[in-house]
Amino acid sequence: MVKFAATSLALALSLSTTSAFTSTPVTPYTQRTALKAVETPLAPLTQWGSPIPNILSSQEEMKSKPLEFAPTISASDLGLTGNAAEQLEYVRANKNDIKQRMVDCGAGEDSM
């Protein structure tokens, strides 16, 4: 551990605080020109889906349905625990049913 005398600490503090305030001052003119020199890039255009005619009634309809979000498929319920090849084959064979269950629970058709 290094020990410093009180005078050396005071000298170090005075030098560090003095040097912190001796930079070139920024005038209002400099600030304005600096802001004008920087051009902000344009943001990419947002792509929206097709318009929903009556969003409130669509929301109320979805809220009234009992939904499982998101539907889960358990390998143990199917008896396919530990067999990755059979699990993959199950998903391939039932992909349309799985997709329909997801759409019924709120996933968009376009997102799949």
PDB file of N, CA and C in Angstrom:
ATOM      1  N   MET A   1       0.840  -1.172   0.000  1.00  0.00           N
ATOM      2  CA  MET A   1       0.000   0.000   0.000  1.00  0.00           C
ATOM      3  C   MET A   1       0.884   1.235   0.000  1.00  0.00           C
ATOM      4  N   VAL A   2       0.542   2.226  -0.792  1.00  0.00           N
ATOM      5  CA  VAL A   2       1.332   3.441  -0.919  1.00  0.00           C
ATOM      6  C   VAL A   2       0.744   4.494   0.000  1.00  0.00           C
ATOM      7  N   LYS A   3       1.636   5.184   0.723  1.00  0.00           N
ATOM      8  CA  LYS A   3       1.191   6.265   1.606  1.00  0.00           C
ATOM      9  C   LYS A   3       1.589   7.590   0.978  1.00  0.00           C
ATOM     10  N   PHE A   4       0.678   8.532   0.992  1.00  0.00           N
ATOM     11  CA  PHE A   4       0.953   9.853   0.466  1.00  0.00           C
ATOM     12  C   PHE A   4       0.861  10.868   1.594  1.00  0.00           C
ATOM     13  N   ALA A   5       1.682  11.864   1.490  1.00  0.00           N
ATOM     14  CA  ALA A   5       1.610  12.957   2.464  1.00  0.00           C
ATOM     15  C   ALA A   5       0.436  13.842   2.096  1.00  0.00           C
ATOM     16  N   ALA A   6      -0.089  14.542   3.050  1.00  0.00           N
ATOM     17  CA  ALA A   6      -1.242  15.410   2.830  1.00  0.00           C
ATOM     18  C   ALA A   6      -0.924  16.495   1.806  1.00  0.00           C
ATOM     19  N   THR A   7       0.280  17.003   1.805  1.00  0.00           N
ATOM     20  CA  THR A   7       0.635  18.061   0.850  1.00  0.00           C
ATOM     21  C   THR A   7       0.702  17.522  -0.571  1.00  0.00           C
ATOM     22  N   SER A   8       1.196  16.296  -0.753  1.00  0.00           N
ATOM     23  CA  SER A   8       1.263  15.741  -2.110  1.00  0.00           C
ATOM     24  C   SER A   8      -0.134  15.424  -2.628  1.00  0.00           C
ATOM     25  N   LEU A   9      -1.029  14.976  -1.736  1.00  0.00           N
ATOM     26  CA  LEU A   9      -2.414  14.753  -2.151  1.00  0.00           C
ATOM     27  C   LEU A   9      -3.087  16.056  -2.543  1.00  0.00           C
ATOM     28  N   ALA A  10      -2.870  17.104  -1.773  1.00  0.00           N
ATOM     29  CA  ALA A  10      -3.472  18.399  -2.082  1.00  0.00           C
ATOM     30  C   ALA A  10      -2.946  18.918  -3.412  1.00  0.00           C
ATOM     31  N   LEU A  11      -1.657  18.749  -3.656  1.00  0.00           N
ATOM     32  CA  LEU A  11      -1.065  19.198  -4.914  1.00  0.00           C
ATOM     33  C   LEU A  11      -1.637  18.405  -6.091  1.00  0.00           C
ATOM     34  N   ALA A  12      -1.774  17.098  -5.928  1.00  0.00           N
ATOM     35  CA  ALA A  12      -2.318  16.257  -7.002  1.00  0.00           C
ATOM     36  C   ALA A  12      -3.767  16.628  -7.294  1.00  0.00           C
ATOM     37  N   LEU A  13      -4.544  16.868  -6.254  1.00  0.00           N
ATOM     38  CA  LEU A  13      -5.939  17.256  -6.451  1.00  0.00           C
ATOM     39  C   LEU A  13      -6.058  18.611  -7.132  1.00  0.00           C
ATOM     40  N   SER A  14      -5.213  19.548  -6.746  1.00  0.00           N
ATOM     41  CA  SER A  14      -5.298  20.874  -7.362  1.00  0.00           C
ATOM     42  C   SER A  14      -4.895  20.817  -8.824  1.00  0.00           C
ATOM     43  N   LEU A  15      -3.920  19.970  -9.163  1.00  0.00           N
ATOM     44  CA  LEU A  15      -3.514  19.839 -10.563  1.00  0.00           C
ATOM     45  C   LEU A  15      -4.598  19.158 -11.390  1.00  0.00           C
ATOM     46  N   SER A  16      -5.231  18.129 -10.812  1.00  0.00           N
ATOM     47  CA  SER A  16      -6.239  17.412 -11.591  1.00  0.00           C
ATOM     48  C   SER A  16      -7.479  18.262 -11.799  1.00  0.00           C
ATOM     49  N   THR A  17      -7.875  19.034 -10.801  1.00  0.00           N
ATOM     50  CA  THR A  17      -9.069  19.863 -10.976  1.00  0.00           C
ATOM     51  C   THR A  17      -8.775  21.043 -11.872  1.00  0.00           C
ATOM     52  N   THR A  18      -7.570  21.555 -11.818  1.00  0.00           N
ATOM     53  CA  THR A  18      -7.216  22.677 -12.685  1.00  0.00           C
ATOM     54  C   THR A  18      -7.177  22.239 -14.136  1.00  0.00           C
ATOM     55  N   SER A  19      -6.595  21.059 -14.407  1.00  0.00           N
ATOM     56  CA  SER A  19      -6.488  20.606 -15.791  1.00  0.00           C
ATOM     57  C   SER A  19      -7.859  20.225 -16.358  1.00  0.00           C
ATOM     58  N   ALA A  20      -8.786  19.893 -15.493  1.00  0.00           N
ATOM     59  CA  ALA A  20     -10.110  19.530 -15.972  1.00  0.00           C
ATOM     60  C   ALA A  20     -10.852  20.732 -16.536  1.00  0.00           C
ATOM     61  N   PHE A  21     -10.494  21.915 -16.074  1.00  0.00           N
ATOM     62  CA  PHE A  21     -11.212  23.113 -16.511  1.00  0.00           C
ATOM     63  C   PHE A  21     -10.407  23.975 -17.464  1.00  0.00           C
ATOM     64  N   THR A  22      -9.290  23.501 -17.959  1.00  0.00           N
ATOM     65  CA  THR A  22      -8.474  24.318 -18.847  1.00  0.00           C
ATOM     66  C   THR A  22      -8.636  23.937 -20.313  1.00  0.00           C
ATOM     67  N   SER A  23      -9.645  23.132 -20.643  1.00  0.00           N
ATOM     68  CA  SER A  23      -9.837  22.783 -22.047  1.00  0.00           C
ATOM     69  C   SER A  23     -10.392  23.989 -22.798  1.00  0.00           C
ATOM     70  N   THR A  24     -10.385  23.896 -24.097  1.00  0.00           N
ATOM     71  CA  THR A  24     -10.866  24.992 -24.935  1.00  0.00           C
ATOM     72  C   THR A  24     -12.356  25.195 -24.712  1.00  0.00           C
ATOM     73  N   PRO A  25     -12.779  26.399 -24.411  1.00  0.00           N
ATOM     74  CA  PRO A  25     -14.207  26.626 -24.173  1.00  0.00           C
ATOM     75  C   PRO A  25     -15.002  26.471 -25.468  1.00  0.00           C
ATOM     76  N   VAL A  26     -16.205  25.978 -25.331  1.00  0.00           N
ATOM     77  CA  VAL A  26     -17.083  25.807 -26.474  1.00  0.00           C
ATOM     78  C   VAL A  26     -18.052  26.977 -26.489  1.00  0.00           C
ATOM     79  N   THR A  27     -18.004  27.737 -27.534  1.00  0.00           N
ATOM     80  CA  THR A  27     -18.897  28.891 -27.639  1.00  0.00           C
ATOM     81  C   THR A  27     -20.214  28.461 -28.257  1.00  0.00           C
ATOM     82  N   PRO A  28     -21.265  29.254 -28.083  1.00  0.00           N
ATOM     83  CA  PRO A  28     -22.540  28.901 -28.718  1.00  0.00           C
ATOM     84  C   PRO A  28     -22.411  28.747 -30.234  1.00  0.00           C
ATOM     85  N   TYR A  29     -21.566  29.553 -30.863  1.00  0.00           N
ATOM     86  CA  TYR A  29     -21.373  29.456 -32.306  1.00  0.00           C
ATOM     87  C   TYR A  29     -20.784  28.094 -32.668  1.00  0.00           C
ATOM     88  N   THR A  30     -19.789  27.652 -31.896  1.00  0.00           N
ATOM     89  CA  THR A  30     -19.170  26.361 -32.162  1.00  0.00           C
ATOM     90  C   THR A  30     -20.186  25.246 -32.000  1.00  0.00           C
ATOM     91  N   GLN A  31     -21.033  25.330 -30.987  1.00  0.00           N
ATOM     92  CA  GLN A  31     -22.034  24.298 -30.772  1.00  0.00           C
ATOM     93  C   GLN A  31     -23.002  24.244 -31.948  1.00  0.00           C
ATOM     94  N   ARG A  32     -23.447  25.401 -32.428  1.00  0.00           N
ATOM     95  CA  ARG A  32     -24.403  25.403 -33.536  1.00  0.00           C
ATOM     96  C   ARG A  32     -23.784  24.807 -34.794  1.00  0.00           C
ATOM     97  N   THR A  33     -22.577  25.173 -35.102  1.00  0.00           N
ATOM     98  CA  THR A  33     -21.966  24.628 -36.310  1.00  0.00           C
ATOM     99  C   THR A  33     -21.699  23.132 -36.153  1.00  0.00           C
ATOM    100  N   ALA A  34     -21.375  22.701 -34.947  1.00  0.00           N
ATOM    101  CA  ALA A  34     -21.137  21.274 -34.734  1.00  0.00           C
ATOM    102  C   ALA A  34     -22.429  20.488 -34.937  1.00  0.00           C
ATOM    103  N   LEU A  35     -23.547  21.025 -34.498  1.00  0.00           N
ATOM    104  CA  LEU A  35     -24.812  20.334 -34.672  1.00  0.00           C
ATOM    105  C   LEU A  35     -25.239  20.301 -36.130  1.00  0.00           C
ATOM    106  N   LYS A  36     -24.966  21.360 -36.864  1.00  0.00           N
ATOM    107  CA  LYS A  36     -25.345  21.387 -38.275  1.00  0.00           C
ATOM    108  C   LYS A  36     -24.463  20.465 -39.109  1.00  0.00           C
ATOM    109  N   ALA A  37     -23.242  20.238 -38.675  1.00  0.00           N
ATOM    110  CA  ALA A  37     -22.320  19.422 -39.453  1.00  0.00           C
ATOM    111  C   ALA A  37     -22.679  17.944 -39.395  1.00  0.00           C
ATOM    112  N   VAL A  38     -23.359  17.519 -38.360  1.00  0.00           N
ATOM    113  CA  VAL A  38     -23.694  16.109 -38.203  1.00  0.00           C
ATOM    114  C   VAL A  38     -25.044  15.847 -38.849  1.00  0.00           C
ATOM    115  N   GLU A  39     -25.070  14.944 -39.808  1.00  0.00           N
ATOM    116  CA  GLU A  39     -26.322  14.580 -40.449  1.00  0.00           C
ATOM    117  C   GLU A  39     -26.801  13.255 -39.882  1.00  0.00           C
ATOM    118  N   THR A  40     -28.030  13.242 -39.417  1.00  0.00           N
ATOM    119  CA  THR A  40     -28.606  12.022 -38.871  1.00  0.00           C
ATOM    120  C   THR A  40     -29.082  11.144 -40.025  1.00  0.00           C
ATOM    121  N   PRO A  41     -28.689   9.866 -40.024  1.00  0.00           N
ATOM    122  CA  PRO A  41     -29.153   8.985 -41.104  1.00  0.00           C
ATOM    123  C   PRO A  41     -30.661   8.731 -40.976  1.00  0.00           C
ATOM    124  N   LEU A  42     -31.308   8.534 -42.100  1.00  0.00           N
ATOM    125  CA  LEU A  42     -32.738   8.255 -42.085  1.00  0.00           C
ATOM    126  C   LEU A  42     -32.992   6.862 -41.527  1.00  0.00           C
ATOM    127  N   ALA A  43     -34.076   6.725 -40.805  1.00  0.00           N
ATOM    128  CA  ALA A  43     -34.459   5.420 -40.271  1.00  0.00           C
ATOM    129  C   ALA A  43     -35.099   4.601 -41.391  1.00  0.00           C
ATOM    130  N   PRO A  44     -34.967   3.290 -41.330  1.00  0.00           N
ATOM    131  CA  PRO A  44     -35.619   2.471 -42.365  1.00  0.00           C
ATOM    132  C   PRO A  44     -37.137   2.595 -42.252  1.00  0.00           C
ATOM    133  N   LEU A  45     -37.808   2.474 -43.367  1.00  0.00           N
ATOM    134  CA  LEU A  45     -39.261   2.574 -43.373  1.00  0.00           C
ATOM    135  C   LEU A  45     -39.866   1.382 -42.642  1.00  0.00           C
ATOM    136  N   THR A  46     -40.904   1.643 -41.885  1.00  0.00           N
ATOM    137  CA  THR A  46     -41.587   0.583 -41.158  1.00  0.00           C
ATOM    138  C   THR A  46     -42.610  -0.058 -42.077  1.00  0.00           C
ATOM    139  N   GLN A  47     -42.617  -1.367 -42.105  1.00  0.00           N
ATOM    140  CA  GLN A  47     -43.585  -2.078 -42.926  1.00  0.00           C
ATOM    141  C   GLN A  47     -44.695  -2.594 -42.020  1.00  0.00           C
ATOM    142  N   TRP A  48     -45.894  -2.201 -42.328  1.00  0.00           N
ATOM    143  CA  TRP A  48     -47.053  -2.610 -41.552  1.00  0.00           C
ATOM    144  C   TRP A  48     -47.812  -3.677 -42.330  1.00  0.00           C
ATOM    145  N   GLY A  49     -48.533  -4.519 -41.614  1.00  0.00           N
ATOM    146  CA  GLY A  49     -49.336  -5.548 -42.245  1.00  0.00           C
ATOM    147  C   GLY A  49     -50.616  -4.950 -42.812  1.00  0.00           C
ATOM    148  N   SER A  50     -51.486  -5.797 -43.285  1.00  0.00           N
ATOM    149  CA  SER A  50     -52.740  -5.318 -43.853  1.00  0.00           C
ATOM    150  C   SER A  50     -53.603  -4.719 -42.734  1.00  0.00           C
ATOM    151  N   PRO A  51     -54.391  -3.691 -43.058  1.00  0.00           N
ATOM    152  CA  PRO A  51     -55.211  -3.040 -42.033  1.00  0.00           C
ATOM    153  C   PRO A  51     -56.290  -3.974 -41.499  1.00  0.00           C
ATOM    154  N   ILE A  52     -56.603  -3.829 -40.216  1.00  0.00           N
ATOM    155  CA  ILE A  52     -57.653  -4.616 -39.578  1.00  0.00           C
ATOM    156  C   ILE A  52     -58.887  -3.710 -39.505  1.00  0.00           C
ATOM    157  N   PRO A  53     -59.983  -4.122 -40.147  1.00  0.00           N
ATOM    158  CA  PRO A  53     -61.149  -3.243 -40.251  1.00  0.00           C
ATOM    159  C   PRO A  53     -61.696  -2.767 -38.901  1.00  0.00           C
ATOM    160  N   ASN A  54     -61.906  -3.678 -37.956  1.00  0.00           N
ATOM    161  CA  ASN A  54     -62.447  -3.272 -36.670  1.00  0.00           C
ATOM    162  C   ASN A  54     -61.629  -3.955 -35.574  1.00  0.00           C
ATOM    163  N   ILE A  55     -60.569  -3.307 -35.166  1.00  0.00           N
ATOM    164  CA  ILE A  55     -59.615  -3.909 -34.240  1.00  0.00           C
ATOM    165  C   ILE A  55     -60.244  -4.194 -32.878  1.00  0.00           C
ATOM    166  N   LEU A  56     -61.136  -3.326 -32.417  1.00  0.00           N
ATOM    167  CA  LEU A  56     -61.738  -3.522 -31.097  1.00  0.00           C
ATOM    168  C   LEU A  56     -62.589  -4.781 -31.041  1.00  0.00           C
ATOM    169  N   SER A  57     -63.392  -5.017 -32.064  1.00  0.00           N
ATOM    170  CA  SER A  57     -64.214  -6.233 -32.059  1.00  0.00           C
ATOM    171  C   SER A  57     -63.341  -7.480 -32.218  1.00  0.00           C
ATOM    172  N   SER A  58     -62.263  -7.373 -32.976  1.00  0.00           N
ATOM    173  CA  SER A  58     -61.342  -8.507 -33.132  1.00  0.00           C
ATOM    174  C   SER A  58     -60.668  -8.837 -31.800  1.00  0.00           C
ATOM    175  N   GLN A  59     -60.294  -7.797 -31.050  1.00  0.00           N
ATOM    176  CA  GLN A  59     -59.672  -8.024 -29.751  1.00  0.00           C
ATOM    177  C   GLN A  59     -60.663  -8.663 -28.776  1.00  0.00           C
ATOM    178  N   GLU A  60     -61.891  -8.165 -28.755  1.00  0.00           N
ATOM    179  CA  GLU A  60     -62.897  -8.724 -27.856  1.00  0.00           C
ATOM    180  C   GLU A  60     -63.189 -10.188 -28.201  1.00  0.00           C
ATOM    181  N   GLU A  61     -63.222 -10.505 -29.490  1.00  0.00           N
ATOM    182  CA  GLU A  61     -63.452 -11.884 -29.913  1.00  0.00           C
ATOM    183  C   GLU A  61     -62.331 -12.797 -29.429  1.00  0.00           C
ATOM    184  N   MET A  62     -61.088 -12.347 -29.567  1.00  0.00           N
ATOM    185  CA  MET A  62     -59.950 -13.166 -29.133  1.00  0.00           C
ATOM    186  C   MET A  62     -59.927 -13.309 -27.612  1.00  0.00           C
ATOM    187  N   LYS A  63     -60.295 -12.245 -26.889  1.00  0.00           N
ATOM    188  CA  LYS A  63     -60.300 -12.304 -25.425  1.00  0.00           C
ATOM    189  C   LYS A  63     -61.374 -13.242 -24.897  1.00  0.00           C
ATOM    190  N   SER A  64     -62.456 -13.412 -25.650  1.00  0.00           N
ATOM    191  CA  SER A  64     -63.553 -14.265 -25.183  1.00  0.00           C
ATOM    192  C   SER A  64     -63.238 -15.758 -25.343  1.00  0.00           C
ATOM    193  N   LYS A  65     -62.255 -16.106 -26.175  1.00  0.00           N
ATOM    194  CA  LYS A  65     -61.892 -17.505 -26.389  1.00  0.00           C
ATOM    195  C   LYS A  65     -60.907 -17.967 -25.317  1.00  0.00           C
ATOM    196  N   PRO A  66     -61.102 -19.172 -24.815  1.00  0.00           N
ATOM    197  CA  PRO A  66     -60.073 -19.707 -23.913  1.00  0.00           C
ATOM    198  C   PRO A  66     -58.872 -20.152 -24.755  1.00  0.00           C
ATOM    199  N   LEU A  67     -57.741 -19.493 -24.567  1.00  0.00           N
ATOM    200  CA  LEU A  67     -56.559 -19.782 -25.380  1.00  0.00           C
ATOM    201  C   LEU A  67     -55.426 -20.312 -24.518  1.00  0.00           C
ATOM    202  N   GLU A  68     -54.680 -21.220 -25.097  1.00  0.00           N
ATOM    203  CA  GLU A  68     -53.438 -21.680 -24.493  1.00  0.00           C
ATOM    204  C   GLU A  68     -52.322 -20.952 -25.225  1.00  0.00           C
ATOM    205  N   PHE A  69     -51.586 -20.119 -24.519  1.00  0.00           N
ATOM    206  CA  PHE A  69     -50.540 -19.360 -25.188  1.00  0.00           C
ATOM    207  C   PHE A  69     -49.199 -19.819 -24.686  1.00  0.00           C
ATOM    208  N   ALA A  70     -48.407 -20.178 -25.445  1.00  0.00           N
ATOM    209  CA  ALA A  70     -48.435 -20.819 -26.738  1.00  0.00           C
ATOM    210  C   ALA A  70     -48.627 -22.311 -26.504  1.00  0.00           C
ATOM    211  N   PRO A  71     -49.264 -22.985 -27.422  1.00  0.00           N
ATOM    212  CA  PRO A  71     -49.491 -24.413 -27.234  1.00  0.00           C
ATOM    213  C   PRO A  71     -48.167 -25.153 -27.063  1.00  0.00           C
ATOM    214  N   THR A  72     -48.139 -26.041 -26.112  1.00  0.00           N
ATOM    215  CA  THR A  72     -46.909 -26.803 -25.883  1.00  0.00           C
ATOM    216  C   THR A  72     -47.113 -28.255 -26.278  1.00  0.00           C
ATOM    217  N   ILE A  73     -46.044 -28.829 -26.758  1.00  0.00           N
ATOM    218  CA  ILE A  73     -46.044 -30.246 -27.114  1.00  0.00           C
ATOM    219  C   ILE A  73     -44.994 -30.896 -26.242  1.00  0.00           C
ATOM    220  N   SER A  74     -45.401 -31.870 -25.448  1.00  0.00           N
ATOM    221  CA  SER A  74     -44.486 -32.533 -24.532  1.00  0.00           C
ATOM    222  C   SER A  74     -44.080 -33.888 -25.101  1.00  0.00           C
ATOM    223  N   ALA A  75     -42.775 -34.089 -25.221  1.00  0.00           N
ATOM    224  CA  ALA A  75     -42.265 -35.364 -25.720  1.00  0.00           C
ATOM    225  C   ALA A  75     -42.639 -36.500 -24.773  1.00  0.00           C
ATOM    226  N   SER A  76     -42.674 -36.219 -23.469  1.00  0.00           N
ATOM    227  CA  SER A  76     -43.029 -37.272 -22.515  1.00  0.00           C
ATOM    228  C   SER A  76     -44.507 -37.656 -22.646  1.00  0.00           C
ATOM    229  N   ASP A  77     -45.368 -36.681 -22.952  1.00  0.00           N
ATOM    230  CA  ASP A  77     -46.785 -37.002 -23.172  1.00  0.00           C
ATOM    231  C   ASP A  77     -46.973 -37.861 -24.418  1.00  0.00           C
ATOM    232  N   LEU A  78     -46.097 -37.675 -25.398  1.00  0.00           N
ATOM    233  CA  LEU A  78     -46.191 -38.434 -26.646  1.00  0.00           C
ATOM    234  C   LEU A  78     -45.424 -39.751 -26.585  1.00  0.00           C
ATOM    235  N   GLY A  79     -44.674 -39.966 -25.512  1.00  0.00           N
ATOM    236  CA  GLY A  79     -43.869 -41.179 -25.397  1.00  0.00           C
ATOM    237  C   GLY A  79     -42.626 -41.137 -26.258  1.00  0.00           C
ATOM    238  N   LEU A  80     -42.121 -39.945 -26.524  1.00  0.00           N
ATOM    239  CA  LEU A  80     -40.956 -39.792 -27.399  1.00  0.00           C
ATOM    240  C   LEU A  80     -39.744 -39.244 -26.652  1.00  0.00           C
ATOM    241  N   THR A  81     -39.698 -39.424 -25.356  1.00  0.00           N
ATOM    242  CA  THR A  81     -38.597 -38.886 -24.564  1.00  0.00           C
ATOM    243  C   THR A  81     -37.283 -39.573 -24.924  1.00  0.00           C
ATOM    244  N   GLY A  82     -36.267 -38.755 -25.164  1.00  0.00           N
ATOM    245  CA  GLY A  82     -34.934 -39.290 -25.424  1.00  0.00           C
ATOM    246  C   GLY A  82     -34.690 -39.750 -26.840  1.00  0.00           C
ATOM    247  N   ASN A  83     -35.657 -39.643 -27.729  1.00  0.00           N
ATOM    248  CA  ASN A  83     -35.458 -40.095 -29.098  1.00  0.00           C
ATOM    249  C   ASN A  83     -35.661 -38.907 -30.036  1.00  0.00           C
ATOM    250  N   ALA A  84     -34.579 -38.230 -30.354  1.00  0.00           N
ATOM    251  CA  ALA A  84     -34.651 -37.019 -31.163  1.00  0.00           C
ATOM    252  C   ALA A  84     -35.165 -37.289 -32.573  1.00  0.00           C
ATOM    253  N   ALA A  85     -34.813 -38.413 -33.144  1.00  0.00           N
ATOM    254  CA  ALA A  85     -35.260 -38.727 -34.512  1.00  0.00           C
ATOM    255  C   ALA A  85     -36.778 -38.880 -34.569  1.00  0.00           C
ATOM    256  N   GLU A  86     -37.358 -39.558 -33.566  1.00  0.00           N
ATOM    257  CA  GLU A  86     -38.821 -39.720 -33.539  1.00  0.00           C
ATOM    258  C   GLU A  86     -39.522 -38.391 -33.257  1.00  0.00           C
ATOM    259  N   GLN A  87     -38.920 -37.552 -32.426  1.00  0.00           N
ATOM    260  CA  GLN A  87     -39.490 -36.235 -32.149  1.00  0.00           C
ATOM    261  C   GLN A  87     -39.520 -35.392 -33.419  1.00  0.00           C
ATOM    262  N   LEU A  88     -38.424 -35.407 -34.165  1.00  0.00           N
ATOM    263  CA  LEU A  88     -38.360 -34.664 -35.420  1.00  0.00           C
ATOM    264  C   LEU A  88     -39.385 -35.190 -36.416  1.00  0.00           C
ATOM    265  N   GLU A  89     -39.531 -36.489 -36.489  1.00  0.00           N
ATOM    266  CA  GLU A  89     -40.517 -37.090 -37.394  1.00  0.00           C
ATOM    267  C   GLU A  89     -41.936 -36.700 -36.992  1.00  0.00           C
ATOM    268  N   TYR A  90     -42.211 -36.637 -35.669  1.00  0.00           N
ATOM    269  CA  TYR A  90     -43.536 -36.212 -35.198  1.00  0.00           C
ATOM    270  C   TYR A  90     -43.844 -34.785 -35.662  1.00  0.00           C
ATOM    271  N   VAL A  91     -42.864 -33.889 -35.529  1.00  0.00           N
ATOM    272  CA  VAL A  91     -43.077 -32.494 -35.943  1.00  0.00           C
ATOM    273  C   VAL A  91     -43.293 -32.416 -37.447  1.00  0.00           C
ATOM    274  N   ARG A  92     -42.513 -33.160 -38.211  1.00  0.00           N
ATOM    275  CA  ARG A  92     -42.689 -33.161 -39.669  1.00  0.00           C
ATOM    276  C   ARG A  92     -44.071 -33.693 -40.060  1.00  0.00           C
ATOM    277  N   ALA A  93     -44.512 -34.749 -39.414  1.00  0.00           N
ATOM    278  CA  ALA A  93     -45.791 -35.366 -39.763  1.00  0.00           C
ATOM    279  C   ALA A  93     -46.980 -34.515 -39.332  1.00  0.00           C
ATOM    280  N   ASN A  94     -46.812 -33.714 -38.276  1.00  0.00           N
ATOM    281  CA  ASN A  94     -47.922 -32.941 -37.731  1.00  0.00           C
ATOM    282  C   ASN A  94     -47.739 -31.439 -37.890  1.00  0.00           C
ATOM    283  N   LYS A  95     -46.894 -31.021 -38.819  1.00  0.00           N
ATOM    284  CA  LYS A  95     -46.569 -29.596 -38.944  1.00  0.00           C
ATOM    285  C   LYS A  95     -47.796 -28.738 -39.235  1.00  0.00           C
ATOM    286  N   ASN A  96     -48.716 -29.212 -40.063  1.00  0.00           N
ATOM    287  CA  ASN A  96     -49.902 -28.400 -40.385  1.00  0.00           C
ATOM    288  C   ASN A  96     -50.796 -28.215 -39.160  1.00  0.00           C
ATOM    289  N   ASP A  97     -50.978 -29.281 -38.377  1.00  0.00           N
ATOM    290  CA  ASP A  97     -51.781 -29.192 -37.161  1.00  0.00           C
ATOM    291  C   ASP A  97     -51.117 -28.267 -36.137  1.00  0.00           C
ATOM    292  N   ILE A  98     -49.809 -28.381 -35.992  1.00  0.00           N
ATOM    293  CA  ILE A  98     -49.073 -27.530 -35.053  1.00  0.00           C
ATOM    294  C   ILE A  98     -49.190 -26.071 -35.474  1.00  0.00           C
ATOM    295  N   LYS A  99     -49.028 -25.803 -36.765  1.00  0.00           N
ATOM    296  CA  LYS A  99     -49.145 -24.435 -37.263  1.00  0.00           C
ATOM    297  C   LYS A  99     -50.552 -23.896 -37.030  1.00  0.00           C
ATOM    298  N   GLN A 100     -51.571 -24.700 -37.289  1.00  0.00           N
ATOM    299  CA  GLN A 100     -52.940 -24.233 -37.094  1.00  0.00           C
ATOM    300  C   GLN A 100     -53.213 -23.923 -35.629  1.00  0.00           C
ATOM    301  N   ARG A 101     -52.691 -24.746 -34.724  1.00  0.00           N
ATOM    302  CA  ARG A 101     -52.863 -24.464 -33.293  1.00  0.00           C
ATOM    303  C   ARG A 101     -52.201 -23.149 -32.909  1.00  0.00           C
ATOM    304  N   MET A 102     -51.045 -22.869 -33.490  1.00  0.00           N
ATOM    305  CA  MET A 102     -50.352 -21.609 -33.213  1.00  0.00           C
ATOM    306  C   MET A 102     -51.146 -20.429 -33.746  1.00  0.00           C
ATOM    307  N   VAL A 103     -51.672 -20.549 -34.963  1.00  0.00           N
ATOM    308  CA  VAL A 103     -52.482 -19.465 -35.551  1.00  0.00           C
ATOM    309  C   VAL A 103     -53.748 -19.248 -34.736  1.00  0.00           C
ATOM    310  N   ASP A 104     -54.373 -20.324 -34.282  1.00  0.00           N
ATOM    311  CA  ASP A 104     -55.579 -20.198 -33.474  1.00  0.00           C
ATOM    312  C   ASP A 104     -55.322 -19.479 -32.161  1.00  0.00           C
ATOM    313  N   CYS A 105     -54.078 -19.545 -31.682  1.00  0.00           N
ATOM    314  CA  CYS A 105     -53.731 -18.896 -30.417  1.00  0.00           C
ATOM    315  C   CYS A 105     -53.111 -17.529 -30.609  1.00  0.00           C
ATOM    316  N   GLY A 106     -53.167 -16.980 -31.811  1.00  0.00           N
ATOM    317  CA  GLY A 106     -52.740 -15.595 -32.009  1.00  0.00           C
ATOM    318  C   GLY A 106     -51.516 -15.373 -32.860  1.00  0.00           C
ATOM    319  N   ALA A 107     -50.808 -16.420 -33.280  1.00  0.00           N
ATOM    320  CA  ALA A 107     -49.661 -16.217 -34.159  1.00  0.00           C
ATOM    321  C   ALA A 107     -50.180 -15.830 -35.537  1.00  0.00           C
ATOM    322  N   GLY A 108     -49.536 -14.860 -36.163  1.00  0.00           N
ATOM    323  CA  GLY A 108     -49.978 -14.411 -37.487  1.00  0.00           C
ATOM    324  C   GLY A 108     -49.616 -15.392 -38.580  1.00  0.00           C
ATOM    325  N   GLU A 109     -50.466 -15.501 -39.580  1.00  0.00           N
ATOM    326  CA  GLU A 109     -50.186 -16.382 -40.727  1.00  0.00           C
ATOM    327  C   GLU A 109     -48.894 -15.966 -41.426  1.00  0.00           C
ATOM    328  N   ASP A 110     -48.678 -14.649 -41.541  1.00  0.00           N
ATOM    329  CA  ASP A 110     -47.527 -14.158 -42.279  1.00  0.00           C
ATOM    330  C   ASP A 110     -46.217 -14.392 -41.545  1.00  0.00           C
ATOM    331  N   SER A 111     -46.283 -14.573 -40.219  1.00  0.00           N
ATOM    332  CA  SER A 111     -45.046 -14.724 -39.458  1.00  0.00           C
ATOM    333  C   SER A 111     -44.493 -16.136 -39.504  1.00  0.00           C
ATOM    334  N   MET A 112     -45.197 -17.032 -40.171  1.00  0.00           N
ATOM    335  CA  MET A 112     -44.724 -18.419 -40.198  1.00  0.00           C
ATOM    336  C   MET A 112     -44.232 -18.829 -41.545  1.00  0.00           C
TER     337      MET A 112
END
